[in-house]
C-alpha cells in the first residue's frame, strides 16, 4: 500500500498525493471536504486562492515567495 506524500512546492502549494484515498480533510467545524475520486490535490499556502483551502494557482500571479526547505541533518564531526 502506498503512503500519503505531502510535498512542499517551491513558492507554491502543498501537494498531497493520496493514492489510496486515506486523507480526510475537514474545516474548523469538522465538516468534511468532498475528496471523492481524488488521489491528489493541492492546498493553498499563499492565501490568495479563490477556492481555499485548495490551490488555484494564484500564488503565481501574486509572486508568492517562501523559503521552505527541510533542514539538512547535521554532519558528525570529523575525527
Protein backbone atom coordinates (compact mmCIF):
# COMPACT_ATOMS: atom_id res chain seq x y z
CA UNK A 1 0.00 0.00 0.00
CA UNK A 2 1.43 3.39 -0.99
CA UNK A 3 1.79 6.08 1.66
CA UNK A 4 0.34 9.55 1.62
CA UNK A 5 3.01 12.02 0.49
CA UNK A 6 2.89 15.77 1.13
CA UNK A 7 5.27 17.85 -0.95
CA UNK A 8 6.06 21.49 -0.15
CA UNK A 9 6.32 23.02 -3.60
CA UNK A 10 8.80 25.88 -4.02
CA UNK A 11 6.88 29.16 -3.74
CA UNK A 12 3.66 27.24 -4.24
CA UNK A 13 1.13 24.88 -2.78
CA UNK A 14 1.24 21.84 -0.56
CA UNK A 15 0.74 18.88 -2.90
CA UNK A 16 -0.96 15.86 -1.32
CA UNK A 17 -0.60 12.56 -3.14
CA UNK A 18 -3.05 10.08 -1.62
CA UNK A 19 -3.13 7.00 -3.88
CA UNK A 20 -5.37 5.03 -1.53
CA UNK A 21 -7.78 7.87 -0.65
CA UNK A 22 -6.87 7.79 3.04
CA UNK A 23 -6.79 11.54 3.70
CA UNK A 24 -9.79 13.19 5.31
CA UNK A 25 -9.82 16.99 5.04
CA UNK A 26 -12.12 18.85 7.45
CA UNK A 27 -12.83 22.51 8.18
CA UNK A 28 -12.66 24.19 11.60
CA UNK A 29 -16.15 22.89 12.43
CA UNK A 30 -15.36 19.30 11.44
CA UNK A 31 -17.23 19.38 8.13
CA UNK A 32 -15.61 17.13 5.54
CA UNK A 33 -14.49 18.36 2.12
CA UNK A 34 -15.54 16.05 -0.70
CA UNK A 35 -12.38 14.39 -1.97
CA UNK A 36 -14.23 11.58 -3.74
CA UNK A 37 -12.11 10.20 -6.56
CA UNK A 38 -9.18 12.49 -5.82
CA UNK A 39 -5.88 10.72 -5.43
CA UNK A 40 -4.01 14.03 -5.44
CA UNK A 41 -4.84 17.64 -4.63
CA UNK A 42 -3.04 20.85 -3.67
CA UNK A 43 -3.65 23.12 -0.70
CA UNK A 44 -3.12 26.88 -0.80
CA UNK A 45 -0.28 28.42 1.22
CA UNK A 46 -0.36 31.97 -0.15
CA UNK A 47 -3.89 32.86 0.98
CA UNK A 48 -4.90 34.27 -2.43
CA UNK A 49 -6.81 31.26 -3.80
CA UNK A 50 -10.46 31.85 -4.63
CA UNK A 51 -11.01 28.15 -3.90
CA UNK A 52 -9.43 27.86 -0.45
CA UNK A 53 -8.30 25.65 1.10
CA UNK A 54 -7.43 24.33 -2.36
CA UNK A 55 -4.83 25.93 -4.58
CA UNK A 56 -5.99 27.64 -7.78
CA UNK A 57 -2.56 28.85 -8.94
CA UNK A 58 -2.96 32.38 -7.55
CA UNK A 59 0.50 32.16 -5.94
CA UNK A 60 1.94 32.65 -9.44
CA UNK A 61 0.08 35.91 -10.07
CA UNK A 62 0.95 37.43 -6.67
CA UNK A 63 4.59 36.26 -6.83
CA UNK A 64 4.32 34.33 -3.57
CA UNK A 65 7.75 33.64 -2.06
CA UNK A 66 8.53 31.14 0.67
CA UNK A 67 11.83 29.84 1.95
CA UNK A 68 10.73 26.35 2.89
CA UNK A 69 13.42 23.71 2.75
CA UNK A 70 13.77 20.83 5.16
CA UNK A 71 16.83 21.27 7.38
CA UNK A 72 19.74 19.07 6.44
CA UNK A 73 20.85 16.52 9.01
CA UNK A 74 23.90 17.65 10.96
CA UNK A 75 27.12 16.00 9.83
CA UNK A 76 29.08 14.17 12.55
CA UNK A 77 32.31 15.99 13.44
CA UNK A 78 35.44 14.79 11.70
CA UNK A 79 37.87 12.89 13.88
